[in-house]
Amino acid sequence: MDFNQARYNMVEQQIRPWDVLDFDLLDVLGDVPREAFVLPEQQNVAYTDQALKLANGGMMLEPKIVARLIQALALNKGDKVLEVGTGSGYATAILAKLAGQVLSVDVDAEQQQRAQAALADLHLDNIQFQVADGLAGVDSGAPYSAIYVGGSVPVLPEALQQQLADGGSMVVIVGAEPVMRACLIRRQGNEFSTRVLFDTVVPALHSPATPAPSAFSF
């Protein structure tokens, strides 16, 4: 299989038509080898428009959803990013190529080690890893200029919102089937604004810190 051609097709046929138009992000998406982050038996579908299962039973989000979320953060090399849910490590790689620092946290140490192994070949030196329940907040690096949540949550994670730096942004998918909304949260001083980016349905991040669904409304 020609992975370079498959990667080009993914960018041009799936991602760009979905209003992902940031040139730097598109260049990164055309550069990161997604086939390195999937299970061996998934190599031939690494660039298809679908969520793929991880070794631990979790799911790797569709490329276009990852791209839309990351585009909304408008990252630059001065940004310190918290990624909640390392997962496959694919989004980690994209974040690291766009931002200055990335702290990636996951509750599953074994899955995070798999992600680290896949990322090693990219020789990125601006990623730190931590085994933690990211939805409860990660004090060690706070405040963060950007937070990326790599799965859905039933309600907005208040602990994460409070760890945003002034002027910072968070992307998170909130809700339960059949209605979930990808949201961009921005902080200005002690005020927070929410903008809905798109509707979707994606697998949930499971966490003891996740509040009850009734605690949030749009």
N, C-alpha and C. Protein backbone atom coordinates (compact mmCIF):
# COMPACT_ATOMS: atom_id res chain seq x y z
N MET A 1 0.84 -1.20 0.00
CA MET A 1 0.00 0.00 0.00
C MET A 1 0.87 1.25 0.00
N ASP A 2 0.51 2.23 -0.79
CA ASP A 2 1.25 3.50 -0.85
C ASP A 2 0.70 4.43 0.23
N PHE A 3 1.38 4.46 1.39
CA PHE A 3 0.90 5.26 2.51
C PHE A 3 1.00 6.76 2.22
N ASN A 4 2.00 7.16 1.46
CA ASN A 4 2.12 8.58 1.13
C ASN A 4 0.92 9.06 0.31
N GLN A 5 0.50 8.24 -0.63
CA GLN A 5 -0.67 8.59 -1.44
C GLN A 5 -1.94 8.56 -0.60
N ALA A 6 -2.03 7.55 0.29
CA ALA A 6 -3.21 7.45 1.16
C ALA A 6 -3.30 8.65 2.09
N ARG A 7 -2.15 9.11 2.56
CA ARG A 7 -2.13 10.29 3.44
C ARG A 7 -2.56 11.53 2.68
N TYR A 8 -2.08 11.66 1.47
CA TYR A 8 -2.47 12.80 0.62
C TYR A 8 -3.98 12.77 0.37
N ASN A 9 -4.49 11.60 0.06
CA ASN A 9 -5.93 11.47 -0.20
C ASN A 9 -6.75 11.81 1.04
N MET A 10 -6.27 11.39 2.22
CA MET A 10 -6.98 11.71 3.46
C MET A 10 -7.10 13.22 3.63
N VAL A 11 -5.99 13.92 3.43
CA VAL A 11 -6.00 15.37 3.60
C VAL A 11 -6.92 16.04 2.58
N GLU A 12 -6.81 15.65 1.34
CA GLU A 12 -7.55 16.33 0.26
C GLU A 12 -9.01 15.93 0.17
N GLN A 13 -9.34 14.67 0.51
CA GLN A 13 -10.70 14.18 0.30
C GLN A 13 -11.54 14.14 1.58
N GLN A 14 -10.89 14.02 2.74
CA GLN A 14 -11.63 13.95 4.00
C GLN A 14 -11.52 15.24 4.81
N ILE A 15 -10.30 15.72 4.95
CA ILE A 15 -10.04 16.77 5.94
C ILE A 15 -10.25 18.17 5.37
N ARG A 16 -9.65 18.48 4.25
CA ARG A 16 -9.82 19.82 3.69
C ARG A 16 -11.30 20.12 3.38
N PRO A 17 -12.08 19.19 2.83
CA PRO A 17 -13.50 19.48 2.58
C PRO A 17 -14.32 19.69 3.85
N TRP A 18 -13.77 19.32 4.99
CA TRP A 18 -14.48 19.49 6.26
C TRP A 18 -14.06 20.79 6.95
N ASP A 19 -13.72 21.79 6.14
CA ASP A 19 -13.39 23.13 6.61
C ASP A 19 -12.13 23.18 7.47
N VAL A 20 -11.21 22.27 7.23
CA VAL A 20 -9.89 22.36 7.85
C VAL A 20 -8.98 23.00 6.81
N LEU A 21 -8.67 24.28 7.02
CA LEU A 21 -7.99 25.06 5.99
C LEU A 21 -6.68 25.70 6.47
N ASP A 22 -6.32 25.44 7.74
CA ASP A 22 -5.08 25.99 8.26
C ASP A 22 -3.89 25.31 7.58
N PHE A 23 -3.05 26.09 6.92
CA PHE A 23 -1.97 25.52 6.11
C PHE A 23 -0.97 24.74 6.96
N ASP A 24 -0.60 25.28 8.12
CA ASP A 24 0.37 24.59 8.97
C ASP A 24 -0.18 23.24 9.43
N LEU A 25 -1.44 23.21 9.82
CA LEU A 25 -2.05 21.97 10.25
C LEU A 25 -2.14 20.97 9.10
N LEU A 26 -2.52 21.43 7.93
CA LEU A 26 -2.60 20.53 6.78
C LEU A 26 -1.23 19.94 6.44
N ASP A 27 -0.20 20.75 6.57
CA ASP A 27 1.16 20.24 6.32
C ASP A 27 1.52 19.14 7.32
N VAL A 28 1.17 19.36 8.58
CA VAL A 28 1.46 18.36 9.60
C VAL A 28 0.68 17.07 9.35
N LEU A 29 -0.59 17.21 9.01
CA LEU A 29 -1.41 16.03 8.72
C LEU A 29 -0.87 15.26 7.52
N GLY A 30 -0.28 15.97 6.59
CA GLY A 30 0.32 15.31 5.44
C GLY A 30 1.67 14.70 5.72
N ASP A 31 2.18 14.96 6.92
CA ASP A 31 3.52 14.49 7.28
C ASP A 31 3.50 13.37 8.31
N VAL A 32 2.54 13.39 9.24
CA VAL A 32 2.52 12.39 10.32
C VAL A 32 2.01 11.05 9.79
N PRO A 33 2.79 9.98 9.96
CA PRO A 33 2.40 8.66 9.42
C PRO A 33 1.35 7.97 10.29
N ARG A 34 0.09 8.15 9.98
CA ARG A 34 -0.98 7.58 10.81
C ARG A 34 -0.88 6.05 10.89
N GLU A 35 -0.32 5.44 9.86
CA GLU A 35 -0.18 3.99 9.85
C GLU A 35 0.69 3.48 10.99
N ALA A 36 1.55 4.35 11.53
CA ALA A 36 2.43 3.96 12.64
C ALA A 36 1.68 3.89 13.97
N PHE A 37 0.47 4.42 14.03
CA PHE A 37 -0.26 4.52 15.28
C PHE A 37 -1.43 3.55 15.37
N VAL A 38 -1.68 2.78 14.33
CA VAL A 38 -2.79 1.83 14.34
C VAL A 38 -2.27 0.43 14.59
N LEU A 39 -3.16 -0.49 14.91
CA LEU A 39 -2.78 -1.89 15.09
C LEU A 39 -2.31 -2.48 13.76
N PRO A 40 -1.43 -3.48 13.79
CA PRO A 40 -0.90 -4.05 12.54
C PRO A 40 -1.99 -4.48 11.55
N GLU A 41 -3.06 -5.05 12.07
CA GLU A 41 -4.13 -5.52 11.18
C GLU A 41 -4.97 -4.39 10.61
N GLN A 42 -4.73 -3.15 11.06
CA GLN A 42 -5.48 -2.00 10.58
C GLN A 42 -4.70 -1.17 9.56
N GLN A 43 -3.54 -1.61 9.18
CA GLN A 43 -2.68 -0.83 8.29
C GLN A 43 -3.42 -0.39 7.02
N ASN A 44 -4.18 -1.28 6.44
CA ASN A 44 -4.85 -0.96 5.17
C ASN A 44 -6.01 0.02 5.33
N VAL A 45 -6.45 0.26 6.56
CA VAL A 45 -7.56 1.20 6.78
C VAL A 45 -7.11 2.39 7.62
N ALA A 46 -5.81 2.58 7.74
CA ALA A 46 -5.28 3.65 8.59
C ALA A 46 -5.75 5.03 8.18
N TYR A 47 -6.05 5.21 6.89
CA TYR A 47 -6.42 6.53 6.39
C TYR A 47 -7.88 6.62 5.97
N THR A 48 -8.68 5.66 6.41
CA THR A 48 -10.10 5.73 6.12
C THR A 48 -10.81 6.64 7.12
N ASP A 49 -11.98 7.07 6.75
CA ASP A 49 -12.74 8.03 7.56
C ASP A 49 -13.59 7.28 8.58
N GLN A 50 -12.90 6.69 9.58
CA GLN A 50 -13.61 5.94 10.60
C GLN A 50 -12.77 5.89 11.86
N ALA A 51 -13.46 5.68 13.01
CA ALA A 51 -12.76 5.46 14.27
C ALA A 51 -12.20 4.04 14.27
N LEU A 52 -11.00 3.87 14.81
CA LEU A 52 -10.34 2.57 14.83
C LEU A 52 -10.08 2.13 16.26
N LYS A 53 -10.23 0.84 16.51
CA LYS A 53 -10.08 0.31 17.86
C LYS A 53 -8.61 0.27 18.27
N LEU A 54 -8.36 0.60 19.54
CA LEU A 54 -7.03 0.50 20.13
C LEU A 54 -6.87 -0.86 20.81
N ALA A 55 -5.63 -1.18 21.15
CA ALA A 55 -5.35 -2.47 21.78
C ALA A 55 -6.07 -2.62 23.12
N ASN A 56 -6.32 -1.52 23.81
CA ASN A 56 -6.97 -1.59 25.12
C ASN A 56 -8.50 -1.53 25.04
N GLY A 57 -9.03 -1.54 23.82
CA GLY A 57 -10.47 -1.49 23.63
C GLY A 57 -11.01 -0.10 23.42
N GLY A 58 -10.17 0.92 23.62
CA GLY A 58 -10.57 2.29 23.32
C GLY A 58 -10.63 2.53 21.83
N MET A 59 -10.90 3.76 21.44
CA MET A 59 -11.05 4.09 20.03
C MET A 59 -10.18 5.27 19.64
N MET A 60 -9.66 5.21 18.43
CA MET A 60 -8.89 6.28 17.82
C MET A 60 -9.87 7.11 16.98
N LEU A 61 -9.97 8.40 17.26
CA LEU A 61 -10.95 9.23 16.58
C LEU A 61 -10.67 9.36 15.09
N GLU A 62 -11.73 9.65 14.34
CA GLU A 62 -11.58 9.87 12.90
C GLU A 62 -10.62 11.03 12.65
N PRO A 63 -9.82 10.93 11.58
CA PRO A 63 -8.84 11.99 11.30
C PRO A 63 -9.46 13.38 11.17
N LYS A 64 -10.62 13.48 10.53
CA LYS A 64 -11.20 14.79 10.31
C LYS A 64 -11.67 15.43 11.61
N ILE A 65 -12.10 14.61 12.58
CA ILE A 65 -12.52 15.15 13.87
C ILE A 65 -11.32 15.66 14.64
N VAL A 66 -10.24 14.87 14.65
CA VAL A 66 -9.00 15.33 15.29
C VAL A 66 -8.55 16.65 14.68
N ALA A 67 -8.60 16.73 13.35
CA ALA A 67 -8.14 17.93 12.65
C ALA A 67 -8.99 19.15 12.99
N ARG A 68 -10.31 18.99 12.99
CA ARG A 68 -11.19 20.13 13.30
C ARG A 68 -10.98 20.62 14.73
N LEU A 69 -10.81 19.70 15.66
CA LEU A 69 -10.60 20.09 17.04
C LEU A 69 -9.29 20.84 17.21
N ILE A 70 -8.23 20.30 16.63
CA ILE A 70 -6.92 20.94 16.78
C ILE A 70 -6.89 22.28 16.06
N GLN A 71 -7.52 22.37 14.90
CA GLN A 71 -7.56 23.65 14.20
C GLN A 71 -8.17 24.74 15.06
N ALA A 72 -9.21 24.40 15.83
CA ALA A 72 -9.90 25.40 16.66
C ALA A 72 -8.99 25.97 17.75
N LEU A 73 -7.97 25.23 18.15
CA LEU A 73 -7.05 25.71 19.18
C LEU A 73 -6.09 26.77 18.66
N ALA A 74 -5.90 26.83 17.33
CA ALA A 74 -5.03 27.84 16.70
C ALA A 74 -3.67 27.88 17.41
N LEU A 75 -2.98 26.74 17.45
CA LEU A 75 -1.75 26.61 18.21
C LEU A 75 -0.57 27.33 17.56
N ASN A 76 0.37 27.73 18.43
CA ASN A 76 1.65 28.25 17.94
C ASN A 76 2.75 27.74 18.86
N LYS A 77 3.99 28.03 18.52
CA LYS A 77 5.13 27.46 19.21
C LYS A 77 5.30 27.99 20.64
N GLY A 78 4.53 28.98 21.02
CA GLY A 78 4.58 29.46 22.40
C GLY A 78 3.59 28.77 23.31
N ASP A 79 2.80 27.85 22.78
CA ASP A 79 1.72 27.24 23.56
C ASP A 79 2.18 26.01 24.34
N LYS A 80 1.64 25.90 25.54
CA LYS A 80 1.80 24.70 26.37
C LYS A 80 0.45 23.99 26.38
N VAL A 81 0.44 22.76 25.89
CA VAL A 81 -0.81 22.02 25.66
C VAL A 81 -0.93 20.86 26.63
N LEU A 82 -2.11 20.68 27.17
CA LEU A 82 -2.46 19.47 27.92
C LEU A 82 -3.35 18.62 27.02
N GLU A 83 -2.93 17.39 26.79
CA GLU A 83 -3.76 16.43 26.06
C GLU A 83 -4.33 15.43 27.05
N VAL A 84 -5.63 15.34 27.11
CA VAL A 84 -6.31 14.40 28.01
C VAL A 84 -6.71 13.18 27.19
N GLY A 85 -6.02 12.07 27.44
CA GLY A 85 -6.25 10.85 26.67
C GLY A 85 -5.20 10.69 25.59
N THR A 86 -4.08 10.07 25.92
CA THR A 86 -3.02 9.88 24.93
C THR A 86 -3.49 9.00 23.78
N GLY A 87 -4.24 7.96 24.13
CA GLY A 87 -4.76 7.06 23.10
C GLY A 87 -3.67 6.46 22.25
N SER A 88 -3.82 6.56 20.95
CA SER A 88 -2.85 5.99 20.02
C SER A 88 -1.56 6.79 19.95
N GLY A 89 -1.62 8.08 20.31
CA GLY A 89 -0.48 8.97 20.16
C GLY A 89 -0.52 9.78 18.88
N TYR A 90 -1.48 9.53 18.01
CA TYR A 90 -1.56 10.25 16.73
C TYR A 90 -1.84 11.73 16.95
N ALA A 91 -2.85 12.05 17.74
CA ALA A 91 -3.14 13.46 18.02
C ALA A 91 -1.98 14.10 18.78
N THR A 92 -1.33 13.33 19.63
CA THR A 92 -0.17 13.83 20.38
C THR A 92 0.90 14.35 19.42
N ALA A 93 1.16 13.57 18.37
CA ALA A 93 2.17 13.96 17.39
C ALA A 93 1.79 15.26 16.69
N ILE A 94 0.53 15.40 16.32
CA ILE A 94 0.09 16.61 15.64
C ILE A 94 0.21 17.82 16.56
N LEU A 95 -0.23 17.66 17.80
CA LEU A 95 -0.13 18.74 18.78
C LEU A 95 1.33 19.15 18.98
N ALA A 96 2.21 18.17 19.08
CA ALA A 96 3.62 18.46 19.35
C ALA A 96 4.29 19.17 18.19
N LYS A 97 3.86 18.90 16.96
CA LYS A 97 4.45 19.57 15.81
C LYS A 97 3.97 21.01 15.67
N LEU A 98 2.84 21.33 16.30
CA LEU A 98 2.29 22.68 16.18
C LEU A 98 2.57 23.56 17.39
N ALA A 99 2.71 22.95 18.57
CA ALA A 99 2.85 23.70 19.82
C ALA A 99 4.29 23.64 20.34
N GLY A 100 4.51 24.38 21.43
CA GLY A 100 5.84 24.39 22.03
C GLY A 100 6.07 23.22 22.97
N GLN A 101 5.08 22.92 23.82
CA GLN A 101 5.18 21.83 24.79
C GLN A 101 3.85 21.08 24.84
N VAL A 102 3.93 19.77 25.04
CA VAL A 102 2.73 18.95 25.19
C VAL A 102 2.90 18.04 26.40
N LEU A 103 1.94 18.08 27.31
CA LEU A 103 1.85 17.11 28.39
C LEU A 103 0.66 16.21 28.07
N SER A 104 0.93 14.94 27.82
CA SER A 104 -0.12 14.00 27.45
C SER A 104 -0.37 13.04 28.60
N VAL A 105 -1.63 12.96 29.04
CA VAL A 105 -1.98 12.11 30.19
C VAL A 105 -3.01 11.07 29.78
N ASP A 106 -2.91 9.91 30.42
CA ASP A 106 -3.84 8.82 30.13
C ASP A 106 -3.94 7.96 31.38
N VAL A 107 -5.11 7.37 31.61
CA VAL A 107 -5.29 6.50 32.78
C VAL A 107 -4.70 5.12 32.55
N ASP A 108 -4.42 4.76 31.29
CA ASP A 108 -3.94 3.42 30.93
C ASP A 108 -2.44 3.48 30.64
N ALA A 109 -1.63 3.00 31.56
CA ALA A 109 -0.17 3.07 31.40
C ALA A 109 0.31 2.24 30.22
N GLU A 110 -0.28 1.06 30.00
CA GLU A 110 0.16 0.20 28.90
C GLU A 110 -0.14 0.83 27.55
N GLN A 111 -1.33 1.41 27.42
CA GLN A 111 -1.68 2.06 26.16
C GLN A 111 -0.77 3.26 25.91
N GLN A 112 -0.47 4.00 26.96
CA GLN A 112 0.41 5.15 26.80
C GLN A 112 1.81 4.71 26.36
N GLN A 113 2.27 3.58 26.86
CA GLN A 113 3.57 3.06 26.44
C GLN A 113 3.56 2.68 24.96
N ARG A 114 2.45 2.13 24.49
CA ARG A 114 2.34 1.84 23.05
C ARG A 114 2.43 3.12 22.24
N ALA A 115 1.75 4.15 22.71
CA ALA A 115 1.79 5.44 22.02
C ALA A 115 3.21 6.01 22.00
N GLN A 116 3.90 5.91 23.14
CA GLN A 116 5.27 6.41 23.22
C GLN A 116 6.18 5.68 22.24
N ALA A 117 5.98 4.39 22.08
CA ALA A 117 6.79 3.61 21.14
C ALA A 117 6.55 4.08 19.71
N ALA A 118 5.29 4.35 19.37
CA ALA A 118 4.98 4.84 18.02
C ALA A 118 5.56 6.24 17.80
N LEU A 119 5.52 7.06 18.83
CA LEU A 119 6.02 8.44 18.71
C LEU A 119 7.53 8.52 18.66
N ALA A 120 8.21 7.50 19.18
CA ALA A 120 9.68 7.55 19.26
C ALA A 120 10.33 7.75 17.90
N ASP A 121 9.76 7.16 16.88
CA ASP A 121 10.34 7.25 15.55
C ASP A 121 10.24 8.66 14.95
N LEU A 122 9.38 9.50 15.52
CA LEU A 122 9.23 10.86 15.01
C LEU A 122 10.21 11.83 15.65
N HIS A 123 10.92 11.37 16.69
CA HIS A 123 11.97 12.16 17.33
C HIS A 123 11.48 13.54 17.78
N LEU A 124 10.32 13.56 18.41
CA LEU A 124 9.77 14.79 18.96
C LEU A 124 10.26 14.93 20.40
N ASP A 125 10.87 16.06 20.72
CA ASP A 125 11.48 16.22 22.04
C ASP A 125 10.71 17.17 22.95
N ASN A 126 9.47 17.49 22.58
CA ASN A 126 8.69 18.44 23.37
C ASN A 126 7.43 17.82 23.97
N ILE A 127 7.45 16.49 24.18
CA ILE A 127 6.31 15.78 24.76
C ILE A 127 6.70 15.18 26.10
N GLN A 128 5.86 15.38 27.10
CA GLN A 128 5.99 14.69 28.38
C GLN A 128 4.75 13.83 28.58
N PHE A 129 4.92 12.72 29.28
CA PHE A 129 3.82 11.79 29.51
C PHE A 129 3.58 11.61 31.00
N GLN A 130 2.32 11.40 31.33
CA GLN A 130 1.97 11.17 32.72
C GLN A 130 0.76 10.24 32.77
N VAL A 131 0.81 9.27 33.66
CA VAL A 131 -0.35 8.40 33.88
C VAL A 131 -1.22 9.07 34.93
N ALA A 132 -2.38 9.52 34.52
CA ALA A 132 -3.25 10.29 35.41
C ALA A 132 -4.64 10.35 34.82
N ASP A 133 -5.60 10.67 35.68
CA ASP A 133 -6.97 10.92 35.25
C ASP A 133 -7.07 12.39 34.86
N GLY A 134 -6.86 12.65 33.59
CA GLY A 134 -6.79 14.03 33.12
C GLY A 134 -8.05 14.83 33.33
N LEU A 135 -9.20 14.19 33.34
CA LEU A 135 -10.45 14.93 33.51
C LEU A 135 -10.58 15.51 34.91
N ALA A 136 -9.76 15.03 35.83
CA ALA A 136 -9.75 15.59 37.18
C ALA A 136 -8.85 16.81 37.27
N GLY A 137 -8.15 17.11 36.17
CA GLY A 137 -7.20 18.21 36.16
C GLY A 137 -5.79 17.70 36.42
N VAL A 138 -4.80 18.38 35.86
CA VAL A 138 -3.40 18.00 36.04
C VAL A 138 -2.66 19.24 36.53
N ASP A 139 -2.43 19.29 37.83
CA ASP A 139 -1.87 20.48 38.44
C ASP A 139 -0.41 20.72 38.07
N SER A 140 0.33 19.64 37.73
CA SER A 140 1.78 19.75 37.59
C SER A 140 2.22 20.75 36.53
N GLY A 141 1.42 20.94 35.48
CA GLY A 141 1.82 21.86 34.44
C GLY A 141 0.92 23.07 34.28
N ALA A 142 -0.10 23.17 35.11
CA ALA A 142 -1.09 24.24 34.97
C ALA A 142 -0.48 25.60 35.31
N PRO A 143 -1.00 26.67 34.70
CA PRO A 143 -2.10 26.70 33.72
C PRO A 143 -1.61 26.36 32.32
N TYR A 144 -2.54 25.95 31.47
CA TYR A 144 -2.24 25.56 30.09
C TYR A 144 -2.85 26.56 29.12
N SER A 145 -2.12 26.86 28.07
CA SER A 145 -2.67 27.77 27.06
C SER A 145 -3.66 27.06 26.15
N ALA A 146 -3.59 25.71 26.11
CA ALA A 146 -4.54 24.95 25.31
C ALA A 146 -4.74 23.58 25.93
N ILE A 147 -5.98 23.08 25.86
CA ILE A 147 -6.30 21.74 26.35
C ILE A 147 -7.08 21.01 25.26
N TYR A 148 -6.63 19.79 24.95
CA TYR A 148 -7.27 18.95 23.95
C TYR A 148 -7.79 17.70 24.65
N VAL A 149 -9.08 17.44 24.55
CA VAL A 149 -9.69 16.25 25.18
C VAL A 149 -10.00 15.25 24.06
N GLY A 150 -9.35 14.09 24.12
CA GLY A 150 -9.40 13.15 23.01
C GLY A 150 -10.51 12.13 23.07
N GLY A 151 -11.69 12.56 23.45
CA GLY A 151 -12.85 11.69 23.50
C GLY A 151 -14.01 12.48 24.07
N SER A 152 -15.20 11.90 24.11
CA SER A 152 -16.35 12.65 24.60
C SER A 152 -16.52 12.51 26.10
N VAL A 153 -17.16 13.51 26.69
CA VAL A 153 -17.52 13.50 28.11
C VAL A 153 -18.99 13.90 28.21
N PRO A 154 -19.72 13.39 29.21
CA PRO A 154 -21.14 13.72 29.30
C PRO A 154 -21.41 15.17 29.64
N VAL A 155 -20.48 15.79 30.39
CA VAL A 155 -20.64 17.18 30.79
C VAL A 155 -19.29 17.88 30.69
N LEU A 156 -19.32 19.19 30.66
CA LEU A 156 -18.10 19.97 30.59
C LEU A 156 -17.24 19.74 31.84
N PRO A 157 -15.97 19.35 31.68
CA PRO A 157 -15.11 19.09 32.84
C PRO A 157 -14.64 20.39 33.50
N GLU A 158 -15.27 20.73 34.61
CA GLU A 158 -15.01 21.99 35.30
C GLU A 158 -13.56 22.10 35.75
N ALA A 159 -12.98 21.00 36.23
CA ALA A 159 -11.60 21.03 36.72
C ALA A 159 -10.63 21.45 35.62
N LEU A 160 -10.86 20.97 34.41
CA LEU A 160 -9.99 21.33 33.28
C LEU A 160 -10.19 22.79 32.89
N GLN A 161 -11.42 23.23 32.87
CA GLN A 161 -11.72 24.61 32.51
C GLN A 161 -10.95 25.57 33.40
N GLN A 162 -10.85 25.25 34.68
CA GLN A 162 -10.17 26.12 35.63
C GLN A 162 -8.66 26.11 35.45
N GLN A 163 -8.14 25.12 34.72
CA GLN A 163 -6.69 25.04 34.51
C GLN A 163 -6.23 25.74 33.23
N LEU A 164 -7.15 26.37 32.53
CA LEU A 164 -6.78 27.17 31.38
C LEU A 164 -6.11 28.47 31.83
N ALA A 165 -5.08 28.86 31.12
CA ALA A 165 -4.47 30.17 31.34
C ALA A 165 -5.41 31.25 30.83
N ASP A 166 -5.24 32.47 31.30
CA ASP A 166 -6.00 33.60 30.78
C ASP A 166 -5.72 33.73 29.28
N GLY A 167 -6.79 33.73 28.48
CA GLY A 167 -6.64 33.75 27.03
C GLY A 167 -6.52 32.37 26.41
N GLY A 168 -6.56 31.33 27.25
CA GLY A 168 -6.41 29.96 26.76
C GLY A 168 -7.69 29.37 26.19
N SER A 169 -7.55 28.22 25.50
CA SER A 169 -8.68 27.57 24.84
C SER A 169 -8.66 26.07 25.11
N MET A 170 -9.83 25.49 25.16
CA MET A 170 -9.98 24.05 25.30
C MET A 170 -10.97 23.54 24.27
N VAL A 171 -10.67 22.39 23.66
CA VAL A 171 -11.64 21.72 22.80
C VAL A 171 -12.07 20.42 23.46
N VAL A 172 -13.37 20.18 23.48
CA VAL A 172 -13.92 19.01 24.14
C VAL A 172 -15.26 18.68 23.51
N ILE A 173 -15.54 17.39 23.39
CA ILE A 173 -16.82 16.93 22.84
C ILE A 173 -17.71 16.54 24.02
N VAL A 174 -18.87 17.19 24.11
CA VAL A 174 -19.74 17.07 25.29
C VAL A 174 -21.09 16.50 24.89
N GLY A 175 -21.57 15.56 25.70
CA GLY A 175 -22.91 15.04 25.48
C GLY A 175 -22.95 13.53 25.52
N ALA A 176 -24.08 12.96 25.14
CA ALA A 176 -24.27 11.52 25.08
C ALA A 176 -25.07 11.20 23.83
N GLU A 177 -24.94 9.97 23.35
CA GLU A 177 -25.69 9.59 22.15
C GLU A 177 -27.18 9.83 22.37
N PRO A 178 -27.87 10.34 21.35
CA PRO A 178 -27.43 10.56 19.97
C PRO A 178 -26.94 11.98 19.68
N VAL A 179 -26.78 12.81 20.71
CA VAL A 179 -26.39 14.20 20.48
C VAL A 179 -25.12 14.53 21.26
N MET A 180 -24.06 14.81 20.56
CA MET A 180 -22.82 15.31 21.16
C MET A 180 -22.38 16.54 20.37
N ARG A 181 -21.75 17.47 21.08
CA ARG A 181 -21.30 18.69 20.42
C ARG A 181 -19.84 18.96 20.73
N ALA A 182 -19.07 19.20 19.68
CA ALA A 182 -17.69 19.61 19.85
C ALA A 182 -17.68 21.09 20.19
N CYS A 183 -17.06 21.42 21.31
CA CYS A 183 -17.10 22.80 21.82
C CYS A 183 -15.70 23.38 21.96
N LEU A 184 -15.61 24.67 21.71
CA LEU A 184 -14.41 25.45 21.97
C LEU A 184 -14.69 26.34 23.17
N ILE A 185 -13.94 26.13 24.24
CA ILE A 185 -14.08 26.92 25.46
C ILE A 185 -12.93 27.92 25.50
N ARG A 186 -13.23 29.19 25.71
CA ARG A 186 -12.19 30.22 25.82
C ARG A 186 -12.29 30.90 27.18
N ARG A 187 -11.12 31.20 27.74
CA ARG A 187 -11.08 31.90 29.03
C ARG A 187 -10.53 33.31 28.85
N GLN A 188 -11.24 34.28 29.41
CA GLN A 188 -10.78 35.66 29.50
C GLN A 188 -10.96 36.10 30.95
N GLY A 189 -9.85 36.17 31.69
CA GLY A 189 -9.94 36.45 33.11
C GLY A 189 -10.69 35.33 33.81
N ASN A 190 -11.74 35.67 34.51
CA ASN A 190 -12.56 34.66 35.17
C ASN A 190 -13.83 34.32 34.40
N GLU A 191 -13.91 34.80 33.17
CA GLU A 191 -15.07 34.54 32.33
C GLU A 191 -14.74 33.47 31.28
N PHE A 192 -15.73 32.60 31.00
CA PHE A 192 -15.56 31.54 30.02
C PHE A 192 -16.66 31.65 28.96
N SER A 193 -16.26 31.46 27.70
CA SER A 193 -17.24 31.44 26.62
C SER A 193 -17.20 30.07 25.95
N THR A 194 -18.34 29.68 25.40
CA THR A 194 -18.45 28.38 24.73
C THR A 194 -18.99 28.58 23.33
N ARG A 195 -18.29 28.00 22.35
CA ARG A 195 -18.77 28.03 20.97
C ARG A 195 -18.88 26.60 20.45
N VAL A 196 -20.03 26.23 19.91
CA VAL A 196 -20.20 24.90 19.34
C VAL A 196 -19.56 24.87 17.96
N LEU A 197 -18.66 23.91 17.75
CA LEU A 197 -17.96 23.78 16.48
C LEU A 197 -18.72 22.91 15.49
N PHE A 198 -19.21 21.77 15.97
CA PHE A 198 -19.97 20.85 15.11
C PHE A 198 -20.62 19.79 15.98
N ASP A 199 -21.61 19.11 15.42
CA ASP A 199 -22.26 17.99 16.09
C ASP A 199 -21.59 16.70 15.64
N THR A 200 -21.52 15.72 16.54
CA THR A 200 -20.86 14.47 16.21
C THR A 200 -21.27 13.42 17.24
N VAL A 201 -20.78 12.22 17.07
CA VAL A 201 -20.87 11.16 18.08
C VAL A 201 -19.53 10.44 18.09
N VAL A 202 -18.85 10.44 19.23
CA VAL A 202 -17.56 9.78 19.34
C VAL A 202 -17.52 8.99 20.65
N PRO A 203 -16.59 8.04 20.75
CA PRO A 203 -16.47 7.25 21.98
C PRO A 203 -16.14 8.13 23.19
N ALA A 204 -16.58 7.67 24.35
CA ALA A 204 -16.40 8.43 25.58
C ALA A 204 -15.05 8.14 26.23
N LEU A 205 -14.54 9.15 26.95
CA LEU A 205 -13.43 8.94 27.87
C LEU A 205 -14.02 8.55 29.22
N HIS A 206 -13.56 7.44 29.77
CA HIS A 206 -14.10 7.00 31.04
C HIS A 206 -13.20 7.49 32.16
N SER A 207 -13.81 8.08 33.18
CA SER A 207 -13.04 8.69 34.26
C SER A 207 -13.88 8.78 35.52
N PRO A 208 -13.28 8.49 36.68
CA PRO A 208 -14.00 8.69 37.94
C PRO A 208 -14.36 10.15 38.18
N ALA A 209 -13.66 11.06 37.48
CA ALA A 209 -13.91 12.49 37.68
C ALA A 209 -15.05 13.01 36.84
N THR A 210 -15.62 12.18 35.97
CA THR A 210 -16.68 12.66 35.08
C THR A 210 -17.95 12.94 35.87
N PRO A 211 -18.48 14.17 35.78
CA PRO A 211 -19.70 14.50 36.52
C PRO A 211 -20.92 13.82 35.93
N ALA A 212 -22.03 13.93 36.63
CA ALA A 212 -23.28 13.37 36.15
C ALA A 212 -23.80 14.16 34.97
N PRO A 213 -24.43 13.51 33.96
CA PRO A 213 -24.90 14.21 32.77
C PRO A 213 -25.83 15.38 33.06
N SER A 214 -26.61 15.34 34.13
CA SER A 214 -27.57 16.39 34.38
C SER A 214 -26.93 17.71 34.78
N ALA A 215 -25.60 17.72 34.98
CA ALA A 215 -24.93 18.91 35.50
C ALA A 215 -24.59 19.92 34.41
N PHE A 216 -24.88 19.61 33.16
CA PHE A 216 -24.48 20.51 32.10
C PHE A 216 -25.61 20.71 31.09
N SER A 217 -25.74 21.93 30.61
CA SER A 217 -26.67 22.19 29.51
C SER A 217 -26.04 23.22 28.60
N PHE A 218 -26.40 23.17 27.33
CA PHE A 218 -25.82 24.12 26.35
C PHE A 218 -26.56 25.45 26.42
